[in-house]
C-alpha cells in the first residue's frame, strides 16, 4: 500500500485486471476498460496488484484538488467497464461527451478509432 493526499487520481485500465483495496473501505477487481477515481483529500492508502499472468496496461492522471477540498475525507469510486458511458467511439472516463456522462466537472475521454478513420496523424 502507498498513500496519497491533497490530490485526486483517475486510473484507466486498457489491458488486464488488477485487484484494488483502499482505506475508504473499497476492494475488488478492476477489469480492463474500468475506471478508478480516488479523491484522496486528507489522505488515503491504496494498492493495486495485477490479477493472474496477463500483462496490465493503463494510465493514471493526477489532479490537484482545489484548496477547499484538500483536507476533506477521502472518497473512491470504481466503475466496471459496463458502467463507463460511451457515445460512438468515445468513453467518458470522467465528465461528459454527448449523452455519455459520468463523475462530472472536468472531462477525460478514451476513444478507439480504426486506422481508416485517421487523418495525417495516425
PDB file of N, CA and C in Angstrom:
ATOM      1  N   UNK A   1       0.843  -1.183   0.000  1.00  0.00           N
ATOM      2  CA  UNK A   1       0.000   0.000   0.000  1.00  0.00           C
ATOM      3  C   UNK A   1       0.884   1.242   0.000  1.00  0.00           C
ATOM      4  N   UNK A   2       0.324   2.317  -0.541  1.00  0.00           N
ATOM      5  CA  UNK A   2       1.017   3.593  -0.527  1.00  0.00           C
ATOM      6  C   UNK A   2      -0.019   4.713  -0.377  1.00  0.00           C
ATOM      7  N   UNK A   3       0.414   5.880   0.127  1.00  0.00           N
ATOM      8  CA  UNK A   3      -0.536   6.958   0.428  1.00  0.00           C
ATOM      9  C   UNK A   3      -0.616   8.032  -0.659  1.00  0.00           C
ATOM     10  N   UNK A   4      -1.719   8.764  -0.651  1.00  0.00           N
ATOM     11  CA  UNK A   4      -1.901  10.000  -1.413  1.00  0.00           C
ATOM     12  C   UNK A   4      -2.648  10.963  -0.507  1.00  0.00           C
ATOM     13  N   UNK A   5      -2.455  12.258  -0.714  1.00  0.00           N
ATOM     14  CA  UNK A   5      -3.267  13.268  -0.033  1.00  0.00           C
ATOM     15  C   UNK A   5      -3.256  14.535  -0.871  1.00  0.00           C
ATOM     16  N   UNK A   6      -4.340  15.309  -0.776  1.00  0.00           N
ATOM     17  CA  UNK A   6      -4.431  16.583  -1.463  1.00  0.00           C
ATOM     18  C   UNK A   6      -4.612  16.507  -2.964  1.00  0.00           C
ATOM     19  N   UNK A   7      -4.777  15.308  -3.517  1.00  0.00           N
ATOM     20  CA  UNK A   7      -4.941  15.145  -4.964  1.00  0.00           C
ATOM     21  C   UNK A   7      -6.105  14.197  -5.245  1.00  0.00           C
ATOM     22  N   UNK A   8      -6.428  14.090  -6.508  1.00  0.00           N
ATOM     23  CA  UNK A   8      -7.334  13.044  -6.986  1.00  0.00           C
ATOM     24  C   UNK A   8      -6.588  12.298  -8.086  1.00  0.00           C
ATOM     25  N   UNK A   9      -6.864  11.015  -8.228  1.00  0.00           N
ATOM     26  CA  UNK A   9      -6.259  10.244  -9.311  1.00  0.00           C
ATOM     27  C   UNK A   9      -7.353   9.543 -10.101  1.00  0.00           C
ATOM     28  N   UNK A  10      -7.159   9.494 -11.401  1.00  0.00           N
ATOM     29  CA  UNK A  10      -8.028   8.738 -12.285  1.00  0.00           C
ATOM     30  C   UNK A  10      -7.163   7.678 -12.937  1.00  0.00           C
ATOM     31  N   UNK A  11      -7.523   6.416 -12.765  1.00  0.00           N
ATOM     32  CA  UNK A  11      -6.791   5.314 -13.366  1.00  0.00           C
ATOM     33  C   UNK A  11      -7.705   4.614 -14.353  1.00  0.00           C
ATOM     34  N   UNK A  12      -7.210   4.394 -15.560  1.00  0.00           N
ATOM     35  CA  UNK A  12      -7.975   3.707 -16.607  1.00  0.00           C
ATOM     36  C   UNK A  12      -7.163   2.521 -17.094  1.00  0.00           C
ATOM     37  N   UNK A  13      -7.747   1.344 -17.010  1.00  0.00           N
ATOM     38  CA  UNK A  13      -7.075   0.121 -17.437  1.00  0.00           C
ATOM     39  C   UNK A  13      -7.419  -0.166 -18.896  1.00  0.00           C
ATOM     40  N   UNK A  14      -6.400  -0.338 -19.736  1.00  0.00           N
ATOM     41  CA  UNK A  14      -6.632  -0.669 -21.138  1.00  0.00           C
ATOM     42  C   UNK A  14      -6.431  -2.158 -21.413  1.00  0.00           C
ATOM     43  N   UNK A  15      -5.733  -2.840 -20.523  1.00  0.00           N
ATOM     44  CA  UNK A  15      -5.489  -4.273 -20.698  1.00  0.00           C
ATOM     45  C   UNK A  15      -5.247  -4.913 -19.336  1.00  0.00           C
ATOM     46  N   UNK A  16      -5.803  -6.089 -19.131  1.00  0.00           N
ATOM     47  CA  UNK A  16      -5.589  -6.830 -17.892  1.00  0.00           C
ATOM     48  C   UNK A  16      -6.490  -6.349 -16.765  1.00  0.00           C
ATOM     49  N   UNK A  17      -6.409  -7.035 -15.653  1.00  0.00           N
ATOM     50  CA  UNK A  17      -7.205  -6.729 -14.472  1.00  0.00           C
ATOM     51  C   UNK A  17      -6.276  -6.519 -13.280  1.00  0.00           C
ATOM     52  N   UNK A  18      -6.709  -5.674 -12.333  1.00  0.00           N
ATOM     53  CA  UNK A  18      -5.942  -5.566 -11.106  1.00  0.00           C
ATOM     54  C   UNK A  18      -6.859  -5.544  -9.894  1.00  0.00           C
ATOM     55  N   UNK A  19      -6.355  -6.115  -8.822  1.00  0.00           N
ATOM     56  CA  UNK A  19      -7.067  -6.168  -7.546  1.00  0.00           C
ATOM     57  C   UNK A  19      -6.742  -4.899  -6.777  1.00  0.00           C
ATOM     58  N   UNK A  20      -7.780  -4.233  -6.266  1.00  0.00           N
ATOM     59  CA  UNK A  20      -7.580  -2.994  -5.533  1.00  0.00           C
ATOM     60  C   UNK A  20      -8.131  -3.104  -4.124  1.00  0.00           C
ATOM     61  N   UNK A  21      -7.562  -2.306  -3.243  1.00  0.00           N
ATOM     62  CA  UNK A  21      -8.057  -2.140  -1.877  1.00  0.00           C
ATOM     63  C   UNK A  21      -7.627  -0.745  -1.437  1.00  0.00           C
ATOM     64  N   UNK A  22      -8.515  -0.047  -0.721  1.00  0.00           N
ATOM     65  CA  UNK A  22      -8.131   1.262  -0.207  1.00  0.00           C
ATOM     66  C   UNK A  22      -8.761   1.487   1.163  1.00  0.00           C
ATOM     67  N   UNK A  23      -8.283   2.513   1.845  1.00  0.00           N
ATOM     68  CA  UNK A  23      -8.728   2.758   3.217  1.00  0.00           C
ATOM     69  C   UNK A  23     -10.083   3.451   3.306  1.00  0.00           C
ATOM     70  N   UNK A  24     -10.763   3.649   2.166  1.00  0.00           N
ATOM     71  CA  UNK A  24     -12.154   4.119   2.216  1.00  0.00           C
ATOM     72  C   UNK A  24     -13.097   2.931   2.374  1.00  0.00           C
ATOM     73  N   UNK A  25     -12.529   1.719   2.368  1.00  0.00           N
ATOM     74  CA  UNK A  25     -13.331   0.511   2.522  1.00  0.00           C
ATOM     75  C   UNK A  25     -13.630  -0.203   1.212  1.00  0.00           C
ATOM     76  N   UNK A  26     -13.149   0.325   0.100  1.00  0.00           N
ATOM     77  CA  UNK A  26     -13.388  -0.299  -1.205  1.00  0.00           C
ATOM     78  C   UNK A  26     -12.362  -1.399  -1.468  1.00  0.00           C
ATOM     79  N   UNK A  27     -12.826  -2.474  -2.092  1.00  0.00           N
ATOM     80  CA  UNK A  27     -11.922  -3.524  -2.549  1.00  0.00           C
ATOM     81  C   UNK A  27     -12.613  -4.347  -3.619  1.00  0.00           C
ATOM     82  N   UNK A  28     -11.834  -4.912  -4.517  1.00  0.00           N
ATOM     83  CA  UNK A  28     -12.388  -5.718  -5.591  1.00  0.00           C
ATOM     84  C   UNK A  28     -11.395  -5.860  -6.718  1.00  0.00           C
ATOM     85  N   UNK A  29     -11.901  -6.145  -7.920  1.00  0.00           N
ATOM     86  CA  UNK A  29     -11.067  -6.291  -9.105  1.00  0.00           C
ATOM     87  C   UNK A  29     -11.551  -5.297 -10.155  1.00  0.00           C
ATOM     88  N   UNK A  30     -10.621  -4.508 -10.691  1.00  0.00           N
ATOM     89  CA  UNK A  30     -10.925  -3.581 -11.762  1.00  0.00           C
ATOM     90  C   UNK A  30     -10.476  -4.215 -13.066  1.00  0.00           C
ATOM     91  N   UNK A  31     -11.414  -4.395 -13.979  1.00  0.00           N
ATOM     92  CA  UNK A  31     -11.134  -5.046 -15.260  1.00  0.00           C
ATOM     93  C   UNK A  31     -10.727  -4.015 -16.307  1.00  0.00           C
ATOM     94  N   UNK A  32     -10.084  -4.494 -17.371  1.00  0.00           N
ATOM     95  CA  UNK A  32      -9.728  -3.629 -18.496  1.00  0.00           C
ATOM     96  C   UNK A  32     -10.975  -2.902 -18.970  1.00  0.00           C
ATOM     97  N   UNK A  33     -10.838  -1.595 -19.176  1.00  0.00           N
ATOM     98  CA  UNK A  33     -11.977  -0.764 -19.549  1.00  0.00           C
ATOM     99  C   UNK A  33     -12.646  -0.118 -18.357  1.00  0.00           C
ATOM    100  N   UNK A  34     -12.213  -0.486 -17.152  1.00  0.00           N
ATOM    101  CA  UNK A  34     -12.769   0.076 -15.926  1.00  0.00           C
ATOM    102  C   UNK A  34     -12.027   1.326 -15.491  1.00  0.00           C
ATOM    103  N   UNK A  35     -12.646   2.087 -14.589  1.00  0.00           N
ATOM    104  CA  UNK A  35     -12.087   3.347 -14.116  1.00  0.00           C
ATOM    105  C   UNK A  35     -12.035   3.359 -12.593  1.00  0.00           C
ATOM    106  N   UNK A  36     -10.909   3.802 -12.069  1.00  0.00           N
ATOM    107  CA  UNK A  36     -10.750   4.033 -10.637  1.00  0.00           C
ATOM    108  C   UNK A  36     -10.622   5.539 -10.442  1.00  0.00           C
ATOM    109  N   UNK A  37     -11.465   6.122  -9.578  1.00  0.00           N
ATOM    110  CA  UNK A  37     -11.389   7.541  -9.233  1.00  0.00           C
ATOM    111  C   UNK A  37     -11.205   7.635  -7.734  1.00  0.00           C
ATOM    112  N   UNK A  38     -10.072   8.183  -7.303  1.00  0.00           N
ATOM    113  CA  UNK A  38      -9.816   8.365  -5.877  1.00  0.00           C
ATOM    114  C   UNK A  38      -9.580   9.845  -5.606  1.00  0.00           C
ATOM    115  N   UNK A  39     -10.435  10.415  -4.773  1.00  0.00           N
ATOM    116  CA  UNK A  39     -10.243  11.781  -4.291  1.00  0.00           C
ATOM    117  C   UNK A  39      -9.612  11.625  -2.916  1.00  0.00           C
ATOM    118  N   UNK A  40      -8.283  11.800  -2.866  1.00  0.00           N
ATOM    119  CA  UNK A  40      -7.531  11.484  -1.657  1.00  0.00           C
ATOM    120  C   UNK A  40      -7.830  12.430  -0.502  1.00  0.00           C
ATOM    121  N   UNK A  41      -8.142  13.684  -0.805  1.00  0.00           N
ATOM    122  CA  UNK A  41      -8.451  14.638   0.271  1.00  0.00           C
ATOM    123  C   UNK A  41      -7.377  14.639   1.343  1.00  0.00           C
ATOM    124  N   UNK A  42      -7.801  14.419   2.610  1.00  0.00           N
ATOM    125  CA  UNK A  42      -6.840  14.476   3.716  1.00  0.00           C
ATOM    126  C   UNK A  42      -6.029  13.194   3.881  1.00  0.00           C
ATOM    127  N   UNK A  43      -6.185  12.248   2.993  1.00  0.00           N
ATOM    128  CA  UNK A  43      -5.307  11.080   2.992  1.00  0.00           C
ATOM    129  C   UNK A  43      -6.019   9.766   2.762  1.00  0.00           C
ATOM    130  N   UNK A  44      -5.434   8.942   1.914  1.00  0.00           N
ATOM    131  CA  UNK A  44      -5.935   7.596   1.638  1.00  0.00           C
ATOM    132  C   UNK A  44      -4.724   6.710   1.333  1.00  0.00           C
ATOM    133  N   UNK A  45      -4.815   5.482   1.776  1.00  0.00           N
ATOM    134  CA  UNK A  45      -3.828   4.456   1.426  1.00  0.00           C
ATOM    135  C   UNK A  45      -4.526   3.513   0.457  1.00  0.00           C
ATOM    136  N   UNK A  46      -3.796   3.086  -0.581  1.00  0.00           N
ATOM    137  CA  UNK A  46      -4.403   2.143  -1.533  1.00  0.00           C
ATOM    138  C   UNK A  46      -3.323   1.307  -2.202  1.00  0.00           C
ATOM    139  N   UNK A  47      -3.779   0.229  -2.813  1.00  0.00           N
ATOM    140  CA  UNK A  47      -2.868  -0.608  -3.588  1.00  0.00           C
ATOM    141  C   UNK A  47      -3.621  -1.209  -4.757  1.00  0.00           C
ATOM    142  N   UNK A  48      -2.853  -1.581  -5.758  1.00  0.00           N
ATOM    143  CA  UNK A  48      -3.384  -2.275  -6.927  1.00  0.00           C
ATOM    144  C   UNK A  48      -2.364  -3.292  -7.381  1.00  0.00           C
ATOM    145  N   UNK A  49      -2.776  -4.531  -7.524  1.00  0.00           N
ATOM    146  CA  UNK A  49      -1.864  -5.583  -7.948  1.00  0.00           C
ATOM    147  C   UNK A  49      -2.483  -6.363  -9.100  1.00  0.00           C
ATOM    148  N   UNK A  50      -1.669  -6.742 -10.098  1.00  0.00           N
ATOM    149  CA  UNK A  50      -2.198  -7.492 -11.241  1.00  0.00           C
ATOM    150  C   UNK A  50      -2.839  -8.807 -10.806  1.00  0.00           C
ATOM    151  N   UNK A  51      -3.858  -9.207 -11.551  1.00  0.00           N
ATOM    152  CA  UNK A  51      -4.533 -10.484 -11.320  1.00  0.00           C
ATOM    153  C   UNK A  51      -4.074 -11.450 -12.413  1.00  0.00           C
ATOM    154  N   UNK A  52      -3.566 -12.602 -12.011  1.00  0.00           N
ATOM    155  CA  UNK A  52      -3.145 -13.611 -12.976  1.00  0.00           C
ATOM    156  C   UNK A  52      -1.869 -13.246 -13.699  1.00  0.00           C
ATOM    157  N   UNK A  53      -1.674 -13.886 -14.859  1.00  0.00           N
ATOM    158  CA  UNK A  53      -0.438 -13.716 -15.622  1.00  0.00           C
ATOM    159  C   UNK A  53      -0.570 -12.721 -16.769  1.00  0.00           C
ATOM    160  N   UNK A  54      -1.734 -12.162 -16.982  1.00  0.00           N
ATOM    161  CA  UNK A  54      -1.946 -11.236 -18.079  1.00  0.00           C
ATOM    162  C   UNK A  54      -1.258  -9.913 -17.792  1.00  0.00           C
ATOM    163  N   UNK A  55      -0.610  -9.353 -18.804  1.00  0.00           N
ATOM    164  CA  UNK A  55       0.045  -8.062 -18.660  1.00  0.00           C
ATOM    165  C   UNK A  55      -1.011  -6.990 -18.405  1.00  0.00           C
ATOM    166  N   UNK A  56      -0.708  -6.063 -17.519  1.00  0.00           N
ATOM    167  CA  UNK A  56      -1.615  -4.971 -17.176  1.00  0.00           C
ATOM    168  C   UNK A  56      -1.090  -3.692 -17.824  1.00  0.00           C
ATOM    169  N   UNK A  57      -1.992  -2.986 -18.527  1.00  0.00           N
ATOM    170  CA  UNK A  57      -1.643  -1.703 -19.128  1.00  0.00           C
ATOM    171  C   UNK A  57      -2.746  -0.716 -18.806  1.00  0.00           C
ATOM    172  N   UNK A  58      -2.358   0.521 -18.683  1.00  0.00           N
ATOM    173  CA  UNK A  58      -3.313   1.574 -18.409  1.00  0.00           C
ATOM    174  C   UNK A  58      -2.573   2.865 -18.165  1.00  0.00           C
ATOM    175  N   UNK A  59      -3.283   3.848 -17.649  1.00  0.00           N
ATOM    176  CA  UNK A  59      -2.638   5.105 -17.307  1.00  0.00           C
ATOM    177  C   UNK A  59      -3.325   5.705 -16.093  1.00  0.00           C
ATOM    178  N   UNK A  60      -2.598   6.620 -15.457  1.00  0.00           N
ATOM    179  CA  UNK A  60      -3.125   7.302 -14.279  1.00  0.00           C
ATOM    180  C   UNK A  60      -2.856   8.797 -14.421  1.00  0.00           C
ATOM    181  N   UNK A  61      -3.891   9.591 -14.163  1.00  0.00           N
ATOM    182  CA  UNK A  61      -3.795  11.040 -14.182  1.00  0.00           C
ATOM    183  C   UNK A  61      -3.872  11.546 -12.753  1.00  0.00           C
ATOM    184  N   UNK A  62      -3.000  12.457 -12.396  1.00  0.00           N
ATOM    185  CA  UNK A  62      -3.018  13.067 -11.059  1.00  0.00           C
ATOM    186  C   UNK A  62      -3.579  14.474 -11.211  1.00  0.00           C
ATOM    187  N   UNK A  63      -4.542  14.812 -10.383  1.00  0.00           N
ATOM    188  CA  UNK A  63      -5.232  16.084 -10.463  1.00  0.00           C
ATOM    189  C   UNK A  63      -5.129  16.791  -9.115  1.00  0.00           C
ATOM    190  N   UNK A  64      -4.605  18.010  -9.106  1.00  0.00           N
ATOM    191  CA  UNK A  64      -4.522  18.790  -7.866  1.00  0.00           C
ATOM    192  C   UNK A  64      -5.929  19.204  -7.447  1.00  0.00           C
ATOM    193  N   UNK A  65      -6.265  18.938  -6.199  1.00  0.00           N
ATOM    194  CA  UNK A  65      -7.574  19.339  -5.685  1.00  0.00           C
ATOM    195  C   UNK A  65      -7.579  20.824  -5.351  1.00  0.00           C
ATOM    196  N   UNK A  66      -8.737  21.481  -5.500  1.00  0.00           N
ATOM    197  CA  UNK A  66      -8.837  22.874  -5.041  1.00  0.00           C
ATOM    198  C   UNK A  66      -8.549  22.933  -3.545  1.00  0.00           C
ATOM    199  N   UNK A  67      -8.026  24.058  -3.085  1.00  0.00           N
ATOM    200  CA  UNK A  67      -7.647  24.202  -1.673  1.00  0.00           C
ATOM    201  C   UNK A  67      -8.770  23.811  -0.727  1.00  0.00           C
ATOM    202  N   UNK A  68      -9.998  24.134  -1.077  1.00  0.00           N
ATOM    203  CA  UNK A  68     -11.138  23.831  -0.201  1.00  0.00           C
ATOM    204  C   UNK A  68     -11.390  22.329  -0.059  1.00  0.00           C
ATOM    205  N   UNK A  69     -10.848  21.520  -0.976  1.00  0.00           N
ATOM    206  CA  UNK A  69     -11.074  20.073  -0.937  1.00  0.00           C
ATOM    207  C   UNK A  69      -9.864  19.268  -0.493  1.00  0.00           C
ATOM    208  N   UNK A  70      -8.734  19.935  -0.270  1.00  0.00           N
ATOM    209  CA  UNK A  70      -7.502  19.226   0.083  1.00  0.00           C
ATOM    210  C   UNK A  70      -7.592  18.474   1.402  1.00  0.00           C
ATOM    211  N   UNK A  71      -8.398  18.930   2.336  1.00  0.00           N
ATOM    212  CA  UNK A  71      -8.493  18.284   3.648  1.00  0.00           C
ATOM    213  C   UNK A  71      -9.845  17.651   3.914  1.00  0.00           C
ATOM    214  N   UNK A  72     -10.586  17.349   2.859  1.00  0.00           N
ATOM    215  CA  UNK A  72     -11.865  16.667   3.017  1.00  0.00           C
ATOM    216  C   UNK A  72     -11.628  15.166   3.137  1.00  0.00           C
ATOM    217  N   UNK A  73     -12.596  14.410   3.628  1.00  0.00           N
ATOM    218  CA  UNK A  73     -12.421  12.958   3.723  1.00  0.00           C
ATOM    219  C   UNK A  73     -12.195  12.326   2.340  1.00  0.00           C
ATOM    220  N   UNK A  74     -11.404  11.284   2.324  1.00  0.00           N
ATOM    221  CA  UNK A  74     -11.124  10.567   1.082  1.00  0.00           C
ATOM    222  C   UNK A  74     -12.393   9.877   0.574  1.00  0.00           C
ATOM    223  N   UNK A  75     -12.460   9.724  -0.749  1.00  0.00           N
ATOM    224  CA  UNK A  75     -13.615   9.097  -1.387  1.00  0.00           C
ATOM    225  C   UNK A  75     -13.116   8.373  -2.635  1.00  0.00           C
ATOM    226  N   UNK A  76     -13.620   7.179  -2.890  1.00  0.00           N
ATOM    227  CA  UNK A  76     -13.199   6.454  -4.084  1.00  0.00           C
ATOM    228  C   UNK A  76     -14.405   5.853  -4.796  1.00  0.00           C
ATOM    229  N   UNK A  77     -14.284   5.777  -6.120  1.00  0.00           N
ATOM    230  CA  UNK A  77     -15.313   5.186  -6.975  1.00  0.00           C
ATOM    231  C   UNK A  77     -14.616   4.254  -7.952  1.00  0.00           C
ATOM    232  N   UNK A  78     -15.161   3.083  -8.131  1.00  0.00           N
ATOM    233  CA  UNK A  78     -14.635   2.118  -9.087  1.00  0.00           C
ATOM    234  C   UNK A  78     -15.757   1.764 -10.060  1.00  0.00           C
ATOM    235  N   UNK A  79     -15.523   1.980 -11.344  1.00  0.00           N
ATOM    236  CA  UNK A  79     -16.525   1.702 -12.354  1.00  0.00           C
ATOM    237  C   UNK A  79     -16.111   0.498 -13.188  1.00  0.00           C
ATOM    238  N   UNK A  80     -16.984  -0.491 -13.268  1.00  0.00           N
ATOM    239  CA  UNK A  80     -16.763  -1.634 -14.154  1.00  0.00           C
ATOM    240  C   UNK A  80     -16.839  -1.141 -15.592  1.00  0.00           C
ATOM    241  N   UNK A  81     -16.215  -1.840 -16.526  1.00  0.00           N
ATOM    242  CA  UNK A  81     -16.271  -1.410 -17.926  1.00  0.00           C
ATOM    243  C   UNK A  81     -17.705  -1.148 -18.415  1.00  0.00           C
ATOM    244  N   UNK A  82     -18.651  -1.957 -17.999  1.00  0.00           N
ATOM    245  CA  UNK A  82     -20.044  -1.785 -18.437  1.00  0.00           C
ATOM    246  C   UNK A  82     -20.689  -0.535 -17.846  1.00  0.00           C
ATOM    247  N   UNK A  83     -20.087   0.066 -16.820  1.00  0.00           N
ATOM    248  CA  UNK A  83     -20.622   1.274 -16.191  1.00  0.00           C
ATOM    249  C   UNK A  83     -19.976   2.561 -16.706  1.00  0.00           C
ATOM    250  N   UNK A  84     -19.023   2.433 -17.621  1.00  0.00           N
ATOM    251  CA  UNK A  84     -18.372   3.607 -18.202  1.00  0.00           C
ATOM    252  C   UNK A  84     -19.171   3.992 -19.448  1.00  0.00           C
ATOM    253  N   UNK A  85     -19.860   5.148 -19.414  1.00  0.00           N
ATOM    254  CA  UNK A  85     -20.722   5.531 -20.527  1.00  0.00           C
ATOM    255  C   UNK A  85     -19.951   5.729 -21.828  1.00  0.00           C
ATOM    256  N   UNK A  86     -20.608   5.412 -22.940  1.00  0.00           N
ATOM    257  CA  UNK A  86     -19.966   5.514 -24.239  1.00  0.00           C
ATOM    258  C   UNK A  86     -20.907   6.186 -25.228  1.00  0.00           C
ATOM    259  N   UNK A  87     -20.318   7.015 -26.089  1.00  0.00           N
ATOM    260  CA  UNK A  87     -21.041   7.583 -27.219  1.00  0.00           C
ATOM    261  C   UNK A  87     -20.135   7.478 -28.424  1.00  0.00           C
ATOM    262  N   UNK A  88     -20.560   6.726 -29.415  1.00  0.00           N
ATOM    263  CA  UNK A  88     -19.712   6.486 -30.584  1.00  0.00           C
ATOM    264  C   UNK A  88     -18.424   5.829 -30.140  1.00  0.00           C
ATOM    265  N   UNK A  89     -17.284   6.313 -30.641  1.00  0.00           N
ATOM    266  CA  UNK A  89     -16.007   5.700 -30.273  1.00  0.00           C
ATOM    267  C   UNK A  89     -15.439   6.198 -28.937  1.00  0.00           C
ATOM    268  N   UNK A  90     -16.124   7.146 -28.284  1.00  0.00           N
ATOM    269  CA  UNK A  90     -15.583   7.757 -27.070  1.00  0.00           C
ATOM    270  C   UNK A  90     -16.258   7.221 -25.817  1.00  0.00           C
ATOM    271  N   UNK A  91     -15.432   6.937 -24.802  1.00  0.00           N
ATOM    272  CA  UNK A  91     -15.924   6.535 -23.494  1.00  0.00           C
ATOM    273  C   UNK A  91     -15.626   7.666 -22.523  1.00  0.00           C
ATOM    274  N   UNK A  92     -16.630   8.100 -21.768  1.00  0.00           N
ATOM    275  CA  UNK A  92     -16.474   9.205 -20.821  1.00  0.00           C
ATOM    276  C   UNK A  92     -15.909   8.663 -19.510  1.00  0.00           C
ATOM    277  N   UNK A  93     -14.598   8.756 -19.343  1.00  0.00           N
ATOM    278  CA  UNK A  93     -13.946   8.294 -18.122  1.00  0.00           C
ATOM    279  C   UNK A  93     -14.303   9.218 -16.964  1.00  0.00           C
ATOM    280  N   UNK A  94     -14.434  10.482 -17.282  1.00  0.00           N
ATOM    281  CA  UNK A  94     -14.849  11.497 -16.309  1.00  0.00           C
ATOM    282  C   UNK A  94     -15.408  12.658 -17.112  1.00  0.00           C
ATOM    283  N   UNK A  95     -16.551  13.166 -16.711  1.00  0.00           N
ATOM    284  CA  UNK A  95     -17.151  14.301 -17.385  1.00  0.00           C
ATOM    285  C   UNK A  95     -18.212  13.885 -18.388  1.00  0.00           C
ATOM    286  N   UNK A  96     -18.283  14.615 -19.505  1.00  0.00           N
ATOM    287  CA  UNK A  96     -19.374  14.407 -20.449  1.00  0.00           C
ATOM    288  C   UNK A  96     -18.892  14.501 -21.891  1.00  0.00           C
ATOM    289  N   UNK A  97     -19.443  13.619 -22.723  1.00  0.00           N
ATOM    290  CA  UNK A  97     -19.249  13.665 -24.167  1.00  0.00           C
ATOM    291  C   UNK A  97     -20.571  13.268 -24.793  1.00  0.00           C
ATOM    292  N   UNK A  98     -21.241  14.207 -25.450  1.00  0.00           N
ATOM    293  CA  UNK A  98     -22.570  13.925 -25.992  1.00  0.00           C
ATOM    294  C   UNK A  98     -23.510  13.528 -24.864  1.00  0.00           C
ATOM    295  N   UNK A  99     -24.151  12.385 -24.995  1.00  0.00           N
ATOM    296  CA  UNK A  99     -25.062  11.888 -23.965  1.00  0.00           C
ATOM    297  C   UNK A  99     -24.349  11.054 -22.901  1.00  0.00           C
ATOM    298  N   UNK A 100     -23.081  10.700 -23.147  1.00  0.00           N
ATOM    299  CA  UNK A 100     -22.314   9.910 -22.179  1.00  0.00           C
ATOM    300  C   UNK A 100     -21.804  10.827 -21.082  1.00  0.00           C
ATOM    301  N   UNK A 101     -22.153  10.544 -19.833  1.00  0.00           N
ATOM    302  CA  UNK A 101     -21.741  11.409 -18.724  1.00  0.00           C
ATOM    303  C   UNK A 101     -21.457  10.576 -17.493  1.00  0.00           C
ATOM    304  N   UNK A 102     -20.367  10.922 -16.790  1.00  0.00           N
ATOM    305  CA  UNK A 102     -20.025  10.286 -15.529  1.00  0.00           C
ATOM    306  C   UNK A 102     -19.166  11.225 -14.684  1.00  0.00           C
ATOM    307  N   UNK A 103     -19.275  11.169 -13.421  1.00  0.00           N
ATOM    308  CA  UNK A 103     -18.409  11.845 -12.450  1.00  0.00           C
ATOM    309  C   UNK A 103     -18.216  13.347 -12.617  1.00  0.00           C
ATOM    310  N   UNK A 104     -18.889  14.007 -13.556  1.00  0.00           N
ATOM    311  CA  UNK A 104     -18.971  15.463 -13.712  1.00  0.00           C
ATOM    312  C   UNK A 104     -17.650  16.234 -13.666  1.00  0.00           C
ATOM    313  N   UNK A 105     -17.754  17.545 -13.671  1.00  0.00           N
ATOM    314  CA  UNK A 105     -16.688  18.561 -13.667  1.00  0.00           C
ATOM    315  C   UNK A 105     -15.775  18.457 -14.885  1.00  0.00           C
ATOM    316  N   UNK A 106     -14.530  18.054 -14.759  1.00  0.00           N
ATOM    317  CA  UNK A 106     -13.615  18.002 -15.894  1.00  0.00           C
ATOM    318  C   UNK A 106     -13.887  16.763 -16.744  1.00  0.00           C
ATOM    319  N   UNK A 107     -13.451  16.806 -17.995  1.00  0.00           N
ATOM    320  CA  UNK A 107     -13.738  15.716 -18.918  1.00  0.00           C
ATOM    321  C   UNK A 107     -12.457  15.020 -19.365  1.00  0.00           C
ATOM    322  N   UNK A 108     -12.450  13.695 -19.243  1.00  0.00           N
ATOM    323  CA  UNK A 108     -11.402  12.838 -19.789  1.00  0.00           C
ATOM    324  C   UNK A 108     -12.092  11.751 -20.587  1.00  0.00           C
ATOM    325  N   UNK A 109     -11.626  11.534 -21.827  1.00  0.00           N
ATOM    326  CA  UNK A 109     -12.226  10.549 -22.714  1.00  0.00           C
ATOM    327  C   UNK A 109     -11.189   9.522 -23.134  1.00  0.00           C
ATOM    328  N   UNK A 110     -11.665   8.344 -23.477  1.00  0.00           N
ATOM    329  CA  UNK A 110     -10.862   7.330 -24.135  1.00  0.00           C
ATOM    330  C   UNK A 110     -11.591   7.012 -25.435  1.00  0.00           C
ATOM    331  N   UNK A 111     -10.882   7.070 -26.554  1.00  0.00           N
ATOM    332  CA  UNK A 111     -11.532   6.821 -27.845  1.00  0.00           C
ATOM    333  C   UNK A 111     -10.743   5.796 -28.637  1.00  0.00           C
ATOM    334  N   UNK A 112     -11.454   4.906 -29.291  1.00  0.00           N
ATOM    335  CA  UNK A 112     -10.847   3.919 -30.179  1.00  0.00           C
ATOM    336  C   UNK A 112     -11.332   4.203 -31.589  1.00  0.00           C
ATOM    337  N   UNK A 113     -10.371   4.392 -32.498  1.00  0.00           N
ATOM    338  CA  UNK A 113     -10.746   4.633 -33.881  1.00  0.00           C
ATOM    339  C   UNK A 113      -9.976   3.675 -34.778  1.00  0.00           C
ATOM    340  N   UNK A 114     -10.601   3.312 -35.881  1.00  0.00           N
ATOM    341  CA  UNK A 114      -9.936   2.450 -36.859  1.00  0.00           C
ATOM    342  C   UNK A 114      -8.952   3.284 -37.661  1.00  0.00           C
ATOM    343  N   UNK A 115      -7.917   2.656 -38.143  1.00  0.00           N
ATOM    344  CA  UNK A 115      -6.905   3.359 -38.927  1.00  0.00           C
ATOM    345  C   UNK A 115      -7.544   4.096 -40.098  1.00  0.00           C
ATOM    346  N   UNK A 116      -8.567   3.528 -40.692  1.00  0.00           N
ATOM    347  CA  UNK A 116      -9.223   4.164 -41.844  1.00  0.00           C
ATOM    348  C   UNK A 116      -9.930   5.462 -41.462  1.00  0.00           C
ATOM    349  N   UNK A 117     -10.151   5.699 -40.149  1.00  0.00           N
ATOM    350  CA  UNK A 117     -10.791   6.920 -39.681  1.00  0.00           C
ATOM    351  C   UNK A 117      -9.771   8.012 -39.390  1.00  0.00           C
ATOM    352  N   UNK A 118      -8.495   7.679 -39.443  1.00  0.00           N
ATOM    353  CA  UNK A 118      -7.438   8.624 -39.090  1.00  0.00           C
ATOM    354  C   UNK A 118      -7.196   9.623 -40.225  1.00  0.00           C
ATOM    355  N   UNK A 119      -6.655  10.762 -39.832  1.00  0.00           N
ATOM    356  CA  UNK A 119      -6.185  11.733 -40.793  1.00  0.00           C
ATOM    357  C   UNK A 119      -4.682  11.576 -40.921  1.00  0.00           C
ATOM    358  N   UNK A 120      -3.944  12.612 -40.997  1.00  0.00           N
ATOM    359  CA  UNK A 120      -2.486  12.536 -41.175  1.00  0.00           C
ATOM    360  C   UNK A 120      -1.721  12.170 -39.910  1.00  0.00           C
ATOM    361  N   UNK A 121      -2.356  12.172 -38.758  1.00  0.00           N
ATOM    362  CA  UNK A 121      -1.621  11.940 -37.501  1.00  0.00           C
ATOM    363  C   UNK A 121      -1.589  10.482 -37.071  1.00  0.00           C
ATOM    364  N   UNK A 122      -2.136   9.559 -37.793  1.00  0.00           N
ATOM    365  CA  UNK A 122      -2.106   8.134 -37.399  1.00  0.00           C
ATOM    366  C   UNK A 122      -0.963   7.409 -38.059  1.00  0.00           C
TER     367      UNK A 122
END
